[in-house]
Amino acid sequence: MAIFSIGSYVIWWIIFCLRLLITSSVTMVMSWASLKLNDFKKFKLYAGLTLLLACFFLVVKYFEYTAKFDHHLYPSTNNFLGIYFTMTGLHVLHVIGGIIVIFFFWMPGAKMWESDPERFVNRIEIVGLYWHFVDLVWIFLFPVLYLL
């Protein structure tokens, strides 16, 4: 298959991405748990780590896409690459959406913690559920697109 012609190290990068996203799910849970324990500083730490891991995932995806384009592998090359770029591109868009929402609650939306902490905790829980959904999608995409 043409996608692996650039070397088996690609699989290790993809596994690294999987670990990044799973770790970001853990840090997202820890940020929510910190709020349940009324530890806003730890929330900021764990939410910040979630953002950092998500951004690092996007950097890795950038290098992955760049490598494919450098090897003249485009969505129009064949059906597999069309599906691959569509699925991973949609996933990237959802990761960016999650980053935007987490960042909002990490910075300007954090004021809600002072005025209505229970509501803020609920919002973080909802964002966490969304983030877990995004990770779950990647857990299914990974074997379908990279291992089969």
N, C-alpha and C. Protein backbone atom coordinates (compact mmCIF):
# COMPACT_ATOMS: atom_id res chain seq x y z
N MET A 1 0.85 -1.18 0.00
CA MET A 1 0.00 0.00 0.00
C MET A 1 0.89 1.24 0.00
N ALA A 2 0.52 2.23 -0.77
CA ALA A 2 1.34 3.42 -0.98
C ALA A 2 1.53 4.25 0.28
N ILE A 3 0.58 4.18 1.18
CA ILE A 3 0.66 5.03 2.36
C ILE A 3 1.86 4.69 3.25
N PHE A 4 2.31 3.45 3.19
CA PHE A 4 3.42 3.03 4.03
C PHE A 4 4.76 3.05 3.30
N SER A 5 4.78 3.58 2.08
CA SER A 5 6.01 3.57 1.31
C SER A 5 7.07 4.49 1.88
N ILE A 6 6.70 5.40 2.76
CA ILE A 6 7.69 6.32 3.32
C ILE A 6 8.36 5.75 4.56
N GLY A 7 8.02 4.53 4.93
CA GLY A 7 8.72 3.86 6.02
C GLY A 7 7.80 3.47 7.15
N SER A 8 8.24 2.48 7.90
CA SER A 8 7.42 1.98 9.00
C SER A 8 7.42 2.93 10.20
N TYR A 9 8.31 3.90 10.20
CA TYR A 9 8.31 4.86 11.32
C TYR A 9 7.01 5.64 11.38
N VAL A 10 6.28 5.69 10.28
CA VAL A 10 4.99 6.39 10.25
C VAL A 10 4.05 5.76 11.26
N ILE A 11 4.02 4.44 11.33
CA ILE A 11 3.15 3.75 12.28
C ILE A 11 3.48 4.17 13.70
N TRP A 12 4.76 4.32 14.01
CA TRP A 12 5.13 4.73 15.37
C TRP A 12 4.67 6.14 15.67
N TRP A 13 4.69 7.02 14.67
CA TRP A 13 4.17 8.38 14.87
C TRP A 13 2.67 8.34 15.13
N ILE A 14 1.98 7.46 14.40
CA ILE A 14 0.54 7.37 14.56
C ILE A 14 0.19 6.79 15.94
N ILE A 15 0.96 5.81 16.38
CA ILE A 15 0.75 5.26 17.73
C ILE A 15 1.04 6.34 18.76
N PHE A 16 2.05 7.17 18.51
CA PHE A 16 2.36 8.29 19.38
C PHE A 16 1.16 9.24 19.46
N CYS A 17 0.52 9.50 18.31
CA CYS A 17 -0.68 10.36 18.28
C CYS A 17 -1.79 9.75 19.11
N LEU A 18 -1.96 8.45 18.99
CA LEU A 18 -2.98 7.75 19.78
C LEU A 18 -2.71 7.93 21.26
N ARG A 19 -1.48 7.79 21.65
CA ARG A 19 -1.12 7.99 23.07
C ARG A 19 -1.34 9.43 23.52
N LEU A 20 -1.05 10.37 22.63
CA LEU A 20 -1.28 11.78 22.96
C LEU A 20 -2.75 12.02 23.27
N LEU A 21 -3.62 11.51 22.40
CA LEU A 21 -5.04 11.76 22.60
C LEU A 21 -5.59 11.01 23.82
N ILE A 22 -5.13 9.80 24.04
CA ILE A 22 -5.60 9.07 25.23
C ILE A 22 -5.12 9.78 26.50
N THR A 23 -3.89 10.26 26.49
CA THR A 23 -3.37 11.01 27.64
C THR A 23 -4.17 12.30 27.83
N SER A 24 -4.55 12.94 26.72
CA SER A 24 -5.34 14.16 26.85
C SER A 24 -6.72 13.87 27.42
N SER A 25 -7.24 12.69 27.17
CA SER A 25 -8.51 12.30 27.80
C SER A 25 -8.33 12.18 29.31
N VAL A 26 -7.21 11.62 29.73
CA VAL A 26 -6.93 11.50 31.16
C VAL A 26 -6.80 12.88 31.79
N THR A 27 -6.07 13.78 31.14
CA THR A 27 -5.91 15.12 31.71
C THR A 27 -7.24 15.88 31.73
N MET A 28 -8.11 15.60 30.76
CA MET A 28 -9.43 16.23 30.76
C MET A 28 -10.25 15.75 31.96
N VAL A 29 -10.20 14.46 32.24
CA VAL A 29 -10.90 13.93 33.42
C VAL A 29 -10.31 14.53 34.69
N MET A 30 -9.00 14.66 34.73
CA MET A 30 -8.36 15.22 35.92
C MET A 30 -8.75 16.69 36.11
N SER A 31 -8.93 17.42 35.02
CA SER A 31 -9.36 18.81 35.17
C SER A 31 -10.76 18.88 35.76
N TRP A 32 -11.65 18.01 35.29
CA TRP A 32 -13.00 17.95 35.85
C TRP A 32 -12.98 17.51 37.32
N ALA A 33 -12.19 16.49 37.62
CA ALA A 33 -12.09 16.00 39.00
C ALA A 33 -11.52 17.07 39.93
N SER A 34 -10.61 17.87 39.43
CA SER A 34 -10.04 18.96 40.23
C SER A 34 -11.13 19.96 40.61
N LEU A 35 -12.01 20.24 39.68
CA LEU A 35 -13.11 21.16 39.99
C LEU A 35 -14.05 20.55 41.02
N LYS A 36 -14.31 19.26 40.91
CA LYS A 36 -15.17 18.60 41.89
C LYS A 36 -14.57 18.66 43.30
N LEU A 37 -13.22 18.75 43.36
CA LEU A 37 -12.51 18.87 44.63
C LEU A 37 -12.24 20.33 45.00
N ASN A 38 -12.84 21.26 44.25
CA ASN A 38 -12.68 22.70 44.47
C ASN A 38 -11.23 23.18 44.38
N ASP A 39 -10.47 22.58 43.49
CA ASP A 39 -9.07 22.96 43.29
C ASP A 39 -8.94 23.58 41.89
N PHE A 40 -9.20 24.88 41.83
CA PHE A 40 -9.21 25.57 40.55
C PHE A 40 -7.82 25.64 39.92
N LYS A 41 -6.78 25.74 40.73
CA LYS A 41 -5.41 25.78 40.18
C LYS A 41 -5.07 24.48 39.46
N LYS A 42 -5.47 23.36 40.03
CA LYS A 42 -5.22 22.07 39.36
C LYS A 42 -6.05 21.96 38.08
N PHE A 43 -7.27 22.50 38.13
CA PHE A 43 -8.08 22.52 36.90
C PHE A 43 -7.31 23.23 35.79
N LYS A 44 -6.76 24.40 36.10
CA LYS A 44 -6.02 25.17 35.10
C LYS A 44 -4.83 24.37 34.58
N LEU A 45 -4.15 23.67 35.48
CA LEU A 45 -3.00 22.85 35.09
C LEU A 45 -3.43 21.74 34.13
N TYR A 46 -4.44 20.96 34.52
CA TYR A 46 -4.84 19.82 33.70
C TYR A 46 -5.50 20.26 32.39
N ALA A 47 -6.29 21.31 32.42
CA ALA A 47 -6.89 21.81 31.18
C ALA A 47 -5.79 22.34 30.25
N GLY A 48 -4.79 23.00 30.83
CA GLY A 48 -3.65 23.47 30.03
C GLY A 48 -2.88 22.32 29.41
N LEU A 49 -2.70 21.24 30.18
CA LEU A 49 -2.03 20.06 29.63
C LEU A 49 -2.86 19.43 28.51
N THR A 50 -4.17 19.42 28.67
CA THR A 50 -5.04 18.90 27.62
C THR A 50 -4.87 19.71 26.35
N LEU A 51 -4.85 21.02 26.49
CA LEU A 51 -4.65 21.89 25.32
C LEU A 51 -3.29 21.65 24.68
N LEU A 52 -2.27 21.52 25.50
CA LEU A 52 -0.91 21.30 24.98
C LEU A 52 -0.84 19.98 24.21
N LEU A 53 -1.40 18.92 24.77
CA LEU A 53 -1.38 17.62 24.09
C LEU A 53 -2.17 17.67 22.79
N ALA A 54 -3.31 18.36 22.80
CA ALA A 54 -4.12 18.47 21.59
C ALA A 54 -3.37 19.25 20.50
N CYS A 55 -2.70 20.31 20.89
CA CYS A 55 -1.94 21.09 19.91
C CYS A 55 -0.76 20.28 19.37
N PHE A 56 -0.14 19.50 20.24
CA PHE A 56 0.97 18.66 19.79
C PHE A 56 0.45 17.61 18.80
N PHE A 57 -0.74 17.07 19.05
CA PHE A 57 -1.35 16.14 18.11
C PHE A 57 -1.51 16.80 16.74
N LEU A 58 -1.97 18.05 16.73
CA LEU A 58 -2.16 18.75 15.46
C LEU A 58 -0.83 18.98 14.75
N VAL A 59 0.23 19.24 15.51
CA VAL A 59 1.55 19.42 14.90
C VAL A 59 2.00 18.12 14.24
N VAL A 60 1.79 17.00 14.93
CA VAL A 60 2.16 15.70 14.36
C VAL A 60 1.34 15.43 13.10
N LYS A 61 0.05 15.75 13.11
CA LYS A 61 -0.78 15.55 11.93
C LYS A 61 -0.30 16.44 10.78
N TYR A 62 0.13 17.65 11.10
CA TYR A 62 0.68 18.54 10.08
C TYR A 62 1.87 17.88 9.38
N PHE A 63 2.80 17.34 10.18
CA PHE A 63 3.97 16.70 9.59
C PHE A 63 3.59 15.44 8.80
N GLU A 64 2.58 14.73 9.29
CA GLU A 64 2.12 13.55 8.57
C GLU A 64 1.53 13.94 7.22
N TYR A 65 0.67 14.95 7.20
CA TYR A 65 0.08 15.41 5.94
C TYR A 65 1.16 15.93 5.01
N THR A 66 2.10 16.70 5.54
CA THR A 66 3.18 17.25 4.72
C THR A 66 3.99 16.15 4.07
N ALA A 67 4.28 15.09 4.83
CA ALA A 67 5.04 13.96 4.28
C ALA A 67 4.27 13.30 3.14
N LYS A 68 2.98 13.17 3.32
CA LYS A 68 2.17 12.55 2.26
C LYS A 68 2.15 13.44 1.01
N PHE A 69 1.98 14.72 1.20
CA PHE A 69 1.97 15.64 0.05
C PHE A 69 3.33 15.66 -0.64
N ASP A 70 4.42 15.60 0.14
CA ASP A 70 5.76 15.57 -0.45
C ASP A 70 5.97 14.32 -1.31
N HIS A 71 5.27 13.24 -0.98
CA HIS A 71 5.36 12.00 -1.75
C HIS A 71 4.24 11.91 -2.80
N HIS A 72 3.62 13.06 -3.06
CA HIS A 72 2.57 13.17 -4.08
C HIS A 72 1.40 12.24 -3.80
N LEU A 73 1.04 12.13 -2.54
CA LEU A 73 -0.14 11.35 -2.13
C LEU A 73 -1.23 12.34 -1.76
N TYR A 74 -2.21 12.49 -2.63
CA TYR A 74 -3.29 13.46 -2.45
C TYR A 74 -4.63 12.74 -2.35
N PRO A 75 -5.67 13.44 -1.90
CA PRO A 75 -7.00 12.80 -1.85
C PRO A 75 -7.46 12.30 -3.22
N SER A 76 -7.02 12.94 -4.27
CA SER A 76 -7.43 12.53 -5.62
C SER A 76 -6.60 11.36 -6.17
N THR A 77 -5.60 10.92 -5.43
CA THR A 77 -4.74 9.84 -5.91
C THR A 77 -5.51 8.53 -6.06
N ASN A 78 -6.28 8.17 -5.05
CA ASN A 78 -7.10 6.96 -5.11
C ASN A 78 -8.21 7.05 -4.05
N ASN A 79 -9.11 6.09 -4.07
CA ASN A 79 -10.24 6.12 -3.15
C ASN A 79 -9.81 6.05 -1.68
N PHE A 80 -8.81 5.20 -1.41
CA PHE A 80 -8.35 5.07 -0.03
C PHE A 80 -7.87 6.42 0.51
N LEU A 81 -7.04 7.11 -0.26
CA LEU A 81 -6.52 8.39 0.22
C LEU A 81 -7.62 9.44 0.31
N GLY A 82 -8.61 9.36 -0.57
CA GLY A 82 -9.75 10.27 -0.47
C GLY A 82 -10.48 10.07 0.85
N ILE A 83 -10.72 8.81 1.19
CA ILE A 83 -11.39 8.50 2.47
C ILE A 83 -10.48 8.86 3.64
N TYR A 84 -9.19 8.54 3.51
CA TYR A 84 -8.23 8.83 4.58
C TYR A 84 -8.20 10.33 4.91
N PHE A 85 -8.05 11.16 3.89
CA PHE A 85 -7.97 12.61 4.14
C PHE A 85 -9.30 13.17 4.63
N THR A 86 -10.40 12.62 4.15
CA THR A 86 -11.71 13.08 4.62
C THR A 86 -11.90 12.75 6.09
N MET A 87 -11.64 11.51 6.46
CA MET A 87 -11.86 11.08 7.85
C MET A 87 -10.90 11.76 8.82
N THR A 88 -9.62 11.78 8.48
CA THR A 88 -8.66 12.41 9.39
C THR A 88 -8.84 13.93 9.41
N GLY A 89 -9.22 14.50 8.27
CA GLY A 89 -9.47 15.94 8.23
C GLY A 89 -10.66 16.34 9.10
N LEU A 90 -11.74 15.55 9.03
CA LEU A 90 -12.89 15.82 9.90
C LEU A 90 -12.51 15.65 11.37
N HIS A 91 -11.68 14.66 11.65
CA HIS A 91 -11.24 14.48 13.03
C HIS A 91 -10.43 15.68 13.50
N VAL A 92 -9.54 16.16 12.65
CA VAL A 92 -8.73 17.34 12.99
C VAL A 92 -9.63 18.54 13.26
N LEU A 93 -10.67 18.72 12.45
CA LEU A 93 -11.60 19.83 12.68
C LEU A 93 -12.29 19.71 14.04
N HIS A 94 -12.65 18.50 14.43
CA HIS A 94 -13.27 18.30 15.73
C HIS A 94 -12.28 18.53 16.87
N VAL A 95 -11.02 18.16 16.65
CA VAL A 95 -10.00 18.45 17.66
C VAL A 95 -9.84 19.97 17.81
N ILE A 96 -9.81 20.69 16.70
CA ILE A 96 -9.70 22.15 16.76
C ILE A 96 -10.90 22.75 17.49
N GLY A 97 -12.09 22.23 17.21
CA GLY A 97 -13.28 22.69 17.93
C GLY A 97 -13.17 22.47 19.43
N GLY A 98 -12.66 21.30 19.81
CA GLY A 98 -12.45 21.01 21.23
C GLY A 98 -11.43 21.94 21.85
N ILE A 99 -10.37 22.22 21.13
CA ILE A 99 -9.35 23.14 21.62
C ILE A 99 -9.95 24.52 21.88
N ILE A 100 -10.78 24.98 20.96
CA ILE A 100 -11.40 26.30 21.11
C ILE A 100 -12.26 26.35 22.37
N VAL A 101 -13.08 25.33 22.57
CA VAL A 101 -13.99 25.33 23.73
C VAL A 101 -13.20 25.17 25.04
N ILE A 102 -12.24 24.27 25.06
CA ILE A 102 -11.43 24.09 26.28
C ILE A 102 -10.68 25.38 26.59
N PHE A 103 -10.12 26.01 25.56
CA PHE A 103 -9.40 27.27 25.77
C PHE A 103 -10.33 28.34 26.33
N PHE A 104 -11.56 28.39 25.81
CA PHE A 104 -12.51 29.37 26.32
C PHE A 104 -12.73 29.18 27.82
N PHE A 105 -12.96 27.95 28.25
CA PHE A 105 -13.20 27.72 29.67
C PHE A 105 -11.91 27.81 30.49
N TRP A 106 -10.78 27.70 29.84
CA TRP A 106 -9.51 27.81 30.53
C TRP A 106 -9.16 29.28 30.80
N MET A 107 -9.57 30.16 29.88
CA MET A 107 -9.22 31.58 30.02
C MET A 107 -10.45 32.45 30.32
N PRO A 108 -11.14 32.99 29.31
CA PRO A 108 -12.21 33.96 29.62
C PRO A 108 -13.41 33.34 30.33
N GLY A 109 -13.75 32.10 29.99
CA GLY A 109 -14.91 31.47 30.61
C GLY A 109 -14.69 31.04 32.04
N ALA A 110 -13.43 31.10 32.49
CA ALA A 110 -13.10 30.69 33.86
C ALA A 110 -13.74 31.59 34.90
N LYS A 111 -14.20 32.77 34.48
CA LYS A 111 -14.88 33.68 35.42
C LYS A 111 -16.15 33.05 35.98
N MET A 112 -16.73 32.13 35.23
CA MET A 112 -17.94 31.46 35.68
C MET A 112 -17.70 30.68 36.97
N TRP A 113 -16.46 30.25 37.19
CA TRP A 113 -16.12 29.51 38.41
C TRP A 113 -16.42 30.33 39.65
N GLU A 114 -16.17 31.64 39.55
CA GLU A 114 -16.41 32.52 40.70
C GLU A 114 -17.89 32.82 40.89
N SER A 115 -18.63 32.96 39.81
CA SER A 115 -20.04 33.34 39.92
C SER A 115 -20.98 32.15 40.09
N ASP A 116 -20.71 31.04 39.41
CA ASP A 116 -21.59 29.87 39.48
C ASP A 116 -20.75 28.60 39.29
N PRO A 117 -20.07 28.16 40.35
CA PRO A 117 -19.15 27.02 40.21
C PRO A 117 -19.83 25.72 39.76
N GLU A 118 -21.05 25.47 40.21
CA GLU A 118 -21.72 24.22 39.82
C GLU A 118 -21.98 24.20 38.31
N ARG A 119 -22.40 25.33 37.79
CA ARG A 119 -22.63 25.43 36.34
C ARG A 119 -21.33 25.26 35.57
N PHE A 120 -20.26 25.85 36.08
CA PHE A 120 -18.95 25.73 35.43
C PHE A 120 -18.50 24.27 35.40
N VAL A 121 -18.67 23.56 36.51
CA VAL A 121 -18.28 22.14 36.56
C VAL A 121 -19.10 21.34 35.54
N ASN A 122 -20.39 21.66 35.44
CA ASN A 122 -21.23 20.97 34.45
C ASN A 122 -20.76 21.23 33.03
N ARG A 123 -20.36 22.45 32.76
CA ARG A 123 -19.87 22.80 31.41
C ARG A 123 -18.58 22.02 31.10
N ILE A 124 -17.72 21.92 32.08
CA ILE A 124 -16.47 21.18 31.87
C ILE A 124 -16.77 19.70 31.67
N GLU A 125 -17.76 19.19 32.36
CA GLU A 125 -18.14 17.79 32.18
C GLU A 125 -18.64 17.55 30.75
N ILE A 126 -19.43 18.47 30.23
CA ILE A 126 -19.93 18.35 28.86
C ILE A 126 -18.78 18.42 27.86
N VAL A 127 -17.87 19.35 28.07
CA VAL A 127 -16.71 19.46 27.19
C VAL A 127 -15.88 18.17 27.27
N GLY A 128 -15.76 17.63 28.47
CA GLY A 128 -15.02 16.37 28.64
C GLY A 128 -15.67 15.22 27.88
N LEU A 129 -16.99 15.15 27.89
CA LEU A 129 -17.69 14.11 27.13
C LEU A 129 -17.44 14.27 25.63
N TYR A 130 -17.46 15.50 25.17
CA TYR A 130 -17.15 15.76 23.76
C TYR A 130 -15.72 15.32 23.45
N TRP A 131 -14.81 15.67 24.34
CA TRP A 131 -13.40 15.33 24.11
C TRP A 131 -13.19 13.82 24.08
N HIS A 132 -13.90 13.11 24.94
CA HIS A 132 -13.80 11.64 24.93
C HIS A 132 -14.38 11.08 23.63
N PHE A 133 -15.44 11.69 23.13
CA PHE A 133 -16.00 11.26 21.85
C PHE A 133 -14.97 11.43 20.73
N VAL A 134 -14.29 12.57 20.71
CA VAL A 134 -13.26 12.82 19.69
C VAL A 134 -12.15 11.77 19.81
N ASP A 135 -11.75 11.43 21.02
CA ASP A 135 -10.73 10.40 21.22
C ASP A 135 -11.24 9.03 20.78
N LEU A 136 -12.47 8.74 21.09
CA LEU A 136 -13.05 7.45 20.70
C LEU A 136 -13.10 7.31 19.18
N VAL A 137 -13.41 8.39 18.50
CA VAL A 137 -13.41 8.36 17.04
C VAL A 137 -12.01 8.01 16.53
N TRP A 138 -10.98 8.61 17.14
CA TRP A 138 -9.61 8.33 16.70
C TRP A 138 -9.23 6.89 16.99
N ILE A 139 -9.70 6.35 18.11
CA ILE A 139 -9.40 4.96 18.45
C ILE A 139 -9.97 4.02 17.39
N PHE A 140 -11.12 4.37 16.80
CA PHE A 140 -11.67 3.56 15.72
C PHE A 140 -11.02 3.86 14.37
N LEU A 141 -10.67 5.12 14.14
CA LEU A 141 -10.02 5.46 12.87
C LEU A 141 -8.63 4.86 12.75
N PHE A 142 -7.91 4.81 13.85
CA PHE A 142 -6.53 4.33 13.83
C PHE A 142 -6.41 2.95 13.21
N PRO A 143 -7.09 1.93 13.70
CA PRO A 143 -6.91 0.62 13.07
C PRO A 143 -7.49 0.54 11.66
N VAL A 144 -8.58 1.24 11.42
CA VAL A 144 -9.21 1.18 10.09
C VAL A 144 -8.30 1.81 9.03
N LEU A 145 -7.71 2.94 9.34
CA LEU A 145 -6.92 3.67 8.33
C LEU A 145 -5.44 3.30 8.31
N TYR A 146 -4.91 2.82 9.43
CA TYR A 146 -3.47 2.61 9.48
C TYR A 146 -3.06 1.14 9.60
N LEU A 147 -3.94 0.29 10.09
CA LEU A 147 -3.54 -1.10 10.32
C LEU A 147 -4.16 -2.10 9.35
N LEU A 148 -5.33 -1.78 8.81
CA LEU A 148 -5.98 -2.73 7.90
C LEU A 148 -5.42 -2.67 6.50
